[in-house]
Amino acid sequence: MAAQALSLPAAQKGIKIMPIAAFPKMRALAWDGDLLYASRGYSVLCARMNTSEIKWANAGHYRPEWWRELSSQHALSFRLTRDGFHALAITAEGNLVAAVPGAIVTLRRGETEFRVTHRLERGTRPLHIASAPDGRVFWGEYFDNSHRDEVHIYASSDGGLKWNVAYTLSVGSIRHVHNIIYDRWENCLWILTGDYGRECRILRASSDFSQVEEVLSGNQQARAVAAVIVRDGVFFASDTPLEQNYIYFVDRSGRVRRLTAIPSSSIYACRNSNGIFFSTMVEPSRLNRSRMVTVFGSSNGDNWDRLAEWSKDQWPMKFFQYGNAFLPDGHNGTDLVAVSTIGVNNADLRTSIWRTLVV
């Protein structure tokens, strides 16, 4: 079923990568066809990727507090203060909606400066932002929520300029929202939440939230952040320090298939014209002891290859972040993959561009 979703011949089994470029102090954020958006500090750049020479152009800039302008200039202070852009979505109108520390910011098409459109009252940033073809944009609250207060999902119907609470998850039902992903095949939203027991939920909601149904819940294997939606269902990976982690596929009827074990939690995934990719982070626990950041890829959903790995660097994770490999959101129409690494040896705060080959 997964192979049909990717429309790949059964004989195509594996994926290999060929590095073609690397860019220091840069984080890839989102694809829009062959256009890749990335950030460097508090500036967003963009470049066409299907060309012989990658040329970055300025897309827009955000003016943070004065001290963040300073801290973002140096790698360790950048990591310590969680500086920069953390998520980005492109709206149907061509606006850019992004998450920076403490705020949702929007760059209107034709302008050059991101402006604050929502100050976060709880938490510092959502993990992901989703956009729909009708112009609506969505994000869910991600904060510690030790008292298990209600959690809001926000929506904008004007390209990220004004925000309203579109749906509220009740007191005690979840800890926080991990991800919201738009499903173009069913014109719906997939909502991933955590962190314990029945708080771990994968929900499917109509785009106006008039219908919200539970697809999976109740255990650590339903605790997910990273997911890729295809015609026949959803690929997702577990994000738990308490159990072995896996990549799964859930079809449209709710049937779940375990695909492959991965060495640690995964919170980023993406798709290109050749396959599907998940990354893992270094979040050591009693069961997940790996000190390697890894990227896995599959051309057909059944056979998974470990494509790359990096060792965690010497800096303490409590202060300077987990080792991780960020994979950008959005629609990627190329055979390329952009991977941004942090907290790893020889590739800290670097974006690598790979060409993928199906073999």
Protein backbone atom coordinates (compact mmCIF):
# COMPACT_ATOMS: atom_id res chain seq x y z
CA MET A 1 0.00 0.00 0.00
CA ALA A 2 2.77 2.44 0.88
CA ALA A 3 4.54 1.72 -2.40
CA GLN A 4 1.37 2.57 -4.35
CA ALA A 5 1.12 5.83 -2.44
CA LEU A 6 4.52 6.85 -3.74
CA SER A 7 3.78 5.62 -7.28
CA LEU A 8 7.15 3.92 -7.55
CA PRO A 9 7.90 0.65 -9.38
CA ALA A 10 8.22 -2.32 -7.04
CA ALA A 11 11.74 -2.98 -8.31
CA GLN A 12 12.96 0.30 -6.87
CA LYS A 13 14.11 -0.63 -3.41
CA GLY A 14 16.66 1.76 -2.00
CA ILE A 15 17.87 5.35 -1.86
CA LYS A 16 21.37 6.76 -1.98
CA ILE A 17 22.46 10.36 -1.54
CA MET A 18 25.00 12.50 -3.36
CA PRO A 19 26.12 15.69 -1.57
CA ILE A 20 26.01 18.72 -3.87
CA ALA A 21 26.34 21.75 -1.55
CA ALA A 22 26.69 22.87 2.06
CA PHE A 23 25.96 26.23 3.66
CA PRO A 24 27.24 27.28 7.10
CA LYS A 25 25.13 29.07 9.74
CA MET A 26 21.94 28.27 7.84
CA ARG A 27 18.74 26.40 8.67
CA ALA A 28 16.41 25.10 5.95
CA LEU A 29 12.81 25.95 6.79
CA ALA A 30 10.37 25.16 3.99
CA TRP A 31 10.04 24.14 0.35
CA ASP A 32 7.72 25.68 -2.24
CA GLY A 33 8.18 23.50 -5.33
CA ASP A 34 11.84 23.96 -6.29
CA LEU A 35 12.20 27.08 -4.12
CA LEU A 36 13.85 26.52 -0.74
CA TYR A 37 13.53 29.00 2.12
CA ALA A 38 16.23 29.03 4.79
CA SER A 39 17.25 31.31 7.63
CA ARG A 40 20.56 32.75 8.71
CA GLY A 41 20.13 34.44 12.07
CA TYR A 42 16.99 36.54 11.75
CA SER A 43 17.08 36.82 7.96
CA VAL A 44 15.20 34.51 5.60
CA LEU A 45 16.79 33.65 2.25
CA CYS A 46 15.46 31.73 -0.73
CA ALA A 47 16.98 29.97 -3.72
CA ARG A 48 15.89 27.90 -6.70
CA MET A 49 17.39 24.47 -6.22
CA ASN A 50 17.01 22.92 -9.68
CA THR A 51 19.81 24.98 -11.16
CA SER A 52 23.49 24.34 -11.75
CA GLU A 53 24.42 27.12 -9.32
CA ILE A 54 22.54 27.82 -6.09
CA LYS A 55 22.14 31.58 -5.59
CA TRP A 56 20.51 32.80 -2.38
CA ALA A 57 18.42 35.96 -2.35
CA ASN A 58 17.05 37.91 0.61
CA ALA A 59 13.39 37.19 1.26
CA GLY A 60 12.89 39.16 4.47
CA HIS A 61 14.23 40.08 7.90
CA TYR A 62 12.83 40.12 11.43
CA ARG A 63 13.99 42.62 14.04
CA PRO A 64 14.24 40.83 17.40
CA GLU A 65 15.10 42.33 20.77
CA TRP A 66 18.48 44.06 20.67
CA TRP A 67 20.21 41.37 22.71
CA ARG A 68 19.06 38.64 20.30
CA GLU A 69 20.74 40.50 17.47
CA LEU A 70 23.95 39.98 19.44
CA SER A 71 23.38 36.41 20.67
CA SER A 72 22.43 35.22 17.19
CA GLN A 73 25.87 36.18 15.87
CA HIS A 74 27.71 33.38 17.71
CA ALA A 75 27.03 29.64 17.48
CA LEU A 76 26.94 28.75 21.16
CA SER A 77 24.88 31.76 22.25
CA PHE A 78 22.56 31.12 19.29
CA ARG A 79 22.01 27.58 20.57
CA LEU A 80 21.78 28.62 24.22
CA THR A 81 19.04 31.21 23.63
CA ARG A 82 17.20 29.20 20.92
CA ASP A 83 17.60 32.06 18.48
CA GLY A 84 16.41 32.36 14.91
CA PHE A 85 13.46 31.04 12.93
CA HIS A 86 11.99 27.72 14.07
CA ALA A 87 9.19 27.08 11.56
CA LEU A 88 7.87 28.63 8.37
CA ALA A 89 4.89 28.18 6.07
CA ILE A 90 4.06 29.76 2.73
CA THR A 91 0.44 30.86 2.34
CA ALA A 92 -1.70 30.75 -0.78
CA GLU A 93 -1.29 34.54 -1.07
CA GLY A 94 2.48 34.23 -0.98
CA ASN A 95 2.91 35.49 2.58
CA LEU A 96 5.52 33.87 4.81
CA VAL A 97 4.35 32.94 8.32
CA ALA A 98 7.05 31.96 10.79
CA ALA A 99 7.79 31.17 14.42
CA VAL A 100 10.52 33.07 16.25
CA PRO A 101 11.17 33.10 20.01
CA GLY A 102 8.01 34.35 21.68
CA ALA A 103 6.03 35.29 18.59
CA ILE A 104 4.38 34.39 15.30
CA VAL A 105 5.61 36.76 12.60
CA THR A 106 4.36 37.35 9.07
CA LEU A 107 6.02 38.72 5.95
CA ARG A 108 3.42 40.04 3.53
CA ARG A 109 4.08 39.41 -0.13
CA GLY A 110 6.06 42.29 -1.60
CA GLU A 111 7.41 43.49 1.77
CA THR A 112 10.84 42.93 3.30
CA GLU A 113 10.27 42.91 7.07
CA PHE A 114 8.51 40.28 9.16
CA ARG A 115 6.04 41.83 11.59
CA VAL A 116 4.68 40.33 14.82
CA THR A 117 1.11 39.15 14.31
CA HIS A 118 0.74 37.20 17.56
CA ARG A 119 2.65 37.31 20.86
CA LEU A 120 2.78 33.90 22.48
CA GLU A 121 1.31 33.80 25.97
CA ARG A 122 2.42 30.24 26.74
CA GLY A 123 5.62 28.61 25.55
CA THR A 124 8.22 30.10 23.24
CA ARG A 125 7.19 28.74 19.83
CA PRO A 126 5.13 26.09 18.04
CA LEU A 127 7.15 23.27 16.47
CA HIS A 128 5.46 23.53 13.06
CA ILE A 129 3.07 25.78 11.11
CA ALA A 130 0.63 24.41 8.52
CA SER A 131 -0.93 26.16 5.53
CA ALA A 132 -3.91 25.13 3.40
CA PRO A 133 -4.64 25.98 -0.26
CA ASP A 134 -7.60 28.17 0.73
CA GLY A 135 -5.25 30.57 2.52
CA ARG A 136 -5.79 29.42 6.08
CA VAL A 137 -2.82 28.87 8.38
CA PHE A 138 -2.70 26.80 11.58
CA TRP A 139 -0.47 26.19 14.58
CA GLY A 140 -0.93 24.57 17.97
CA GLU A 141 0.32 25.63 21.39
CA TYR A 142 3.50 23.94 22.57
CA PHE A 143 4.39 24.72 26.19
CA ASP A 144 5.33 22.79 29.33
CA ASN A 145 1.75 22.64 30.63
CA SER A 146 2.57 20.83 33.87
CA HIS A 147 -0.99 21.49 35.13
CA ARG A 148 -2.56 20.13 31.94
CA ASP A 149 -4.57 23.23 31.15
CA GLU A 150 -6.60 23.45 27.97
CA VAL A 151 -4.54 23.79 24.78
CA HIS A 152 -5.50 25.98 21.82
CA ILE A 153 -5.10 25.59 18.09
CA TYR A 154 -4.90 28.95 16.34
CA ALA A 155 -5.96 29.72 12.78
CA SER A 156 -5.71 32.65 10.41
CA SER A 157 -7.96 33.13 7.40
CA ASP A 158 -6.17 36.20 6.02
CA GLY A 159 -2.67 34.89 5.30
CA GLY A 160 -1.29 35.06 8.82
CA LEU A 161 -2.22 38.67 9.67
CA LYS A 162 -4.84 38.00 12.36
CA TRP A 163 -5.25 34.95 14.58
CA ASN A 164 -8.19 33.35 16.37
CA VAL A 165 -8.62 30.24 18.49
CA ALA A 166 -10.08 27.70 16.06
CA TYR A 167 -10.24 24.70 18.40
CA THR A 168 -9.48 23.94 22.04
CA LEU A 169 -8.36 20.62 23.47
CA SER A 170 -9.94 20.31 26.88
CA VAL A 171 -8.32 20.44 30.32
CA GLY A 172 -6.40 17.24 31.04
CA SER A 173 -6.71 15.82 27.52
CA ILE A 174 -3.18 16.55 26.27
CA ARG A 175 0.03 18.21 27.33
CA HIS A 176 0.66 20.14 24.12
CA VAL A 177 0.37 20.06 20.32
CA HIS A 178 3.35 18.61 18.48
CA ASN A 179 2.34 19.17 14.87
CA ILE A 180 -0.51 20.05 12.52
CA ILE A 181 -0.28 18.89 8.88
CA TYR A 182 -2.61 19.65 6.00
CA ASP A 183 -3.86 16.64 4.00
CA ARG A 184 -4.57 17.62 0.40
CA TRP A 185 -6.20 14.29 -0.45
CA GLU A 186 -8.97 14.59 2.13
CA ASN A 187 -8.85 18.38 2.69
CA CYS A 188 -8.36 17.80 6.40
CA LEU A 189 -5.81 18.31 9.16
CA TRP A 190 -3.77 15.75 11.07
CA ILE A 191 -3.02 16.81 14.64
CA LEU A 192 -0.27 15.13 16.68
CA THR A 193 -0.18 15.59 20.47
CA GLY A 194 1.71 14.35 23.55
CA ASP A 195 3.15 13.33 25.92
CA TYR A 196 1.93 10.48 28.20
CA GLY A 197 -0.84 7.88 28.25
CA ARG A 198 -3.93 9.06 26.39
CA GLU A 199 -2.29 12.43 25.85
CA CYS A 200 -0.44 10.78 22.96
CA ARG A 201 -2.95 11.16 20.16
CA ILE A 202 -3.11 11.28 16.37
CA LEU A 203 -6.28 13.12 15.37
CA ARG A 204 -7.91 13.80 12.02
CA ALA A 205 -9.97 17.01 11.82
CA SER A 206 -12.00 18.73 9.16
CA SER A 207 -10.42 22.02 8.12
CA ASP A 208 -13.10 23.96 10.04
CA PHE A 209 -12.80 21.64 13.09
CA SER A 210 -16.48 20.76 12.95
CA GLN A 211 -15.39 17.12 13.01
CA VAL A 212 -12.44 15.81 15.01
CA GLU A 213 -11.82 12.07 15.25
CA GLU A 214 -9.19 10.04 17.04
CA VAL A 215 -7.16 7.73 14.82
CA LEU A 216 -4.56 6.51 17.34
CA SER A 217 -3.94 7.16 21.02
CA GLY A 218 -3.04 5.80 24.40
CA ASN A 219 0.60 4.72 24.25
CA GLN A 220 4.10 5.98 23.58
CA GLN A 221 4.10 4.69 20.01
CA ALA A 222 1.32 7.20 19.25
CA ARG A 223 3.53 9.98 20.63
CA ALA A 224 4.63 11.57 17.35
CA VAL A 225 5.86 14.84 15.89
CA ALA A 226 7.24 13.83 12.48
CA ALA A 227 4.80 12.75 9.77
CA VAL A 228 4.44 12.68 5.98
CA ILE A 229 1.01 12.39 4.34
CA VAL A 230 0.57 10.45 1.09
CA ARG A 231 -2.46 9.39 -0.94
CA ASP A 232 -3.09 6.18 1.01
CA GLY A 233 -2.31 7.36 4.53
CA VAL A 234 0.33 8.77 6.84
CA PHE A 235 3.92 7.82 7.59
CA PHE A 236 4.88 8.82 11.12
CA ALA A 237 7.68 8.17 13.60
CA SER A 238 7.47 7.84 17.36
CA ASP A 239 9.06 10.42 19.63
CA THR A 240 9.56 8.72 22.97
CA PRO A 241 12.52 8.48 25.37
CA LEU A 242 10.69 5.67 27.21
CA GLU A 243 10.56 2.94 24.52
CA GLN A 244 12.21 1.80 21.32
CA ASN A 245 11.24 4.16 18.48
CA TYR A 246 9.87 3.11 15.07
CA ILE A 247 8.63 4.46 11.76
CA TYR A 248 4.99 3.50 11.05
CA PHE A 249 2.37 3.73 8.34
CA VAL A 250 -1.34 4.21 9.13
CA ASP A 251 -3.72 3.80 6.20
CA ARG A 252 -6.97 5.67 5.62
CA SER A 253 -8.98 3.06 7.53
CA GLY A 254 -6.79 3.38 10.61
CA ARG A 255 -4.76 0.18 10.20
CA VAL A 256 -1.19 0.57 11.45
CA ARG A 257 1.92 -1.12 10.13
CA ARG A 258 5.33 -0.96 11.81
CA LEU A 259 8.03 -0.38 9.19
CA THR A 260 11.45 -0.10 10.82
CA ALA A 261 13.17 0.58 14.13
CA ILE A 262 15.07 3.84 14.56
CA PRO A 263 17.72 4.55 17.21
CA SER A 264 16.06 7.50 18.96
CA SER A 265 13.19 9.98 18.87
CA SER A 266 12.22 11.59 15.57
CA ILE A 267 10.64 15.04 15.27
CA TYR A 268 11.32 15.91 11.60
CA ALA A 269 10.25 14.31 8.33
CA CYS A 270 9.90 15.32 4.70
CA ARG A 271 9.19 14.02 1.22
CA ASN A 272 10.69 14.66 -2.23
CA SER A 273 10.07 13.23 -5.70
CA ASN A 274 12.10 10.11 -4.87
CA GLY A 275 10.96 9.15 -1.39
CA ILE A 276 10.30 9.85 2.27
CA PHE A 277 12.81 10.83 4.95
CA PHE A 278 12.93 10.89 8.76
CA SER A 279 15.66 12.17 11.06
CA THR A 280 16.43 11.19 14.63
CA MET A 281 17.88 13.29 17.43
CA VAL A 282 20.22 12.57 20.32
CA GLU A 283 17.95 12.40 23.37
CA PRO A 284 19.61 9.75 25.53
CA SER A 285 17.46 7.73 27.90
CA ARG A 286 17.64 4.32 29.54
CA LEU A 287 16.45 2.66 26.33
CA ASN A 288 17.57 5.12 23.64
CA ARG A 289 21.29 5.42 24.21
CA SER A 290 22.43 6.46 20.76
CA ARG A 291 24.82 9.41 20.48
CA MET A 292 24.27 9.64 16.73
CA VAL A 293 21.96 11.91 14.76
CA THR A 294 20.68 9.93 11.77
CA VAL A 295 18.66 10.36 8.58
CA PHE A 296 16.62 7.46 7.16
CA GLY A 297 15.08 7.32 3.70
CA SER A 298 12.81 5.04 1.67
CA SER A 299 11.66 5.10 -1.95
CA ASN A 300 8.73 2.73 -1.42
CA GLY A 301 7.88 2.86 2.28
CA ASP A 302 8.98 -0.71 2.90
CA ASN A 303 12.78 -0.64 2.59
CA TRP A 304 14.54 1.94 4.74
CA ASP A 305 18.16 3.02 4.40
CA ARG A 306 20.30 4.84 6.95
CA LEU A 307 21.57 7.61 4.69
CA ALA A 308 23.75 9.70 7.00
CA GLU A 309 24.78 10.10 10.62
CA TRP A 310 26.67 12.55 12.81
CA SER A 311 28.00 12.19 16.35
CA LYS A 312 26.81 14.51 19.12
CA ASP A 313 29.27 17.26 19.98
CA GLN A 314 30.77 17.97 23.41
CA TRP A 315 28.37 20.70 24.56
CA PRO A 316 25.75 19.82 27.22
CA MET A 317 22.29 19.21 25.79
CA LYS A 318 20.49 20.86 28.71
CA PHE A 319 21.88 24.23 27.67
CA PHE A 320 22.99 23.91 24.05
CA GLN A 321 20.18 21.73 22.60
CA TYR A 322 19.94 18.11 21.54
CA GLY A 323 21.88 17.00 18.52
CA ASN A 324 19.38 17.02 15.67
CA ALA A 325 18.82 17.14 11.92
CA PHE A 326 16.05 19.49 10.81
CA LEU A 327 14.10 18.62 7.66
CA PRO A 328 12.09 21.46 6.10
CA ASP A 329 8.30 21.46 5.76
CA GLY A 330 6.34 22.33 2.62
CA HIS A 331 6.03 20.74 -0.82
CA ASN A 332 9.32 19.70 -2.41
CA GLY A 333 9.00 19.02 -6.13
CA THR A 334 12.67 18.12 -6.63
CA ASP A 335 14.86 15.07 -6.10
CA LEU A 336 16.86 17.03 -3.50
CA VAL A 337 16.87 16.86 0.29
CA ALA A 338 17.93 19.72 2.56
CA VAL A 339 19.21 18.70 6.00
CA SER A 340 20.17 21.23 8.70
CA THR A 341 22.23 19.86 11.57
CA ILE A 342 22.80 21.24 15.06
CA GLY A 343 24.85 20.06 18.03
CA VAL A 344 26.94 17.60 16.01
CA ASN A 345 30.62 17.29 15.29
CA ASN A 346 31.90 18.89 12.07
CA ALA A 347 28.44 20.06 10.95
CA ASP A 348 27.02 22.32 13.66
CA LEU A 349 24.53 24.86 12.29
CA ARG A 350 25.06 23.74 8.72
CA THR A 351 22.62 23.00 5.91
CA SER A 352 23.57 20.22 3.49
CA ILE A 353 21.89 19.73 0.12
CA TRP A 354 21.81 16.17 -1.23
CA ARG A 355 20.62 14.76 -4.52
CA THR A 356 18.74 11.49 -3.95
CA LEU A 357 19.10 8.49 -6.23
CA VAL A 358 16.73 5.53 -6.35
CA VAL A 359 18.70 2.28 -6.78
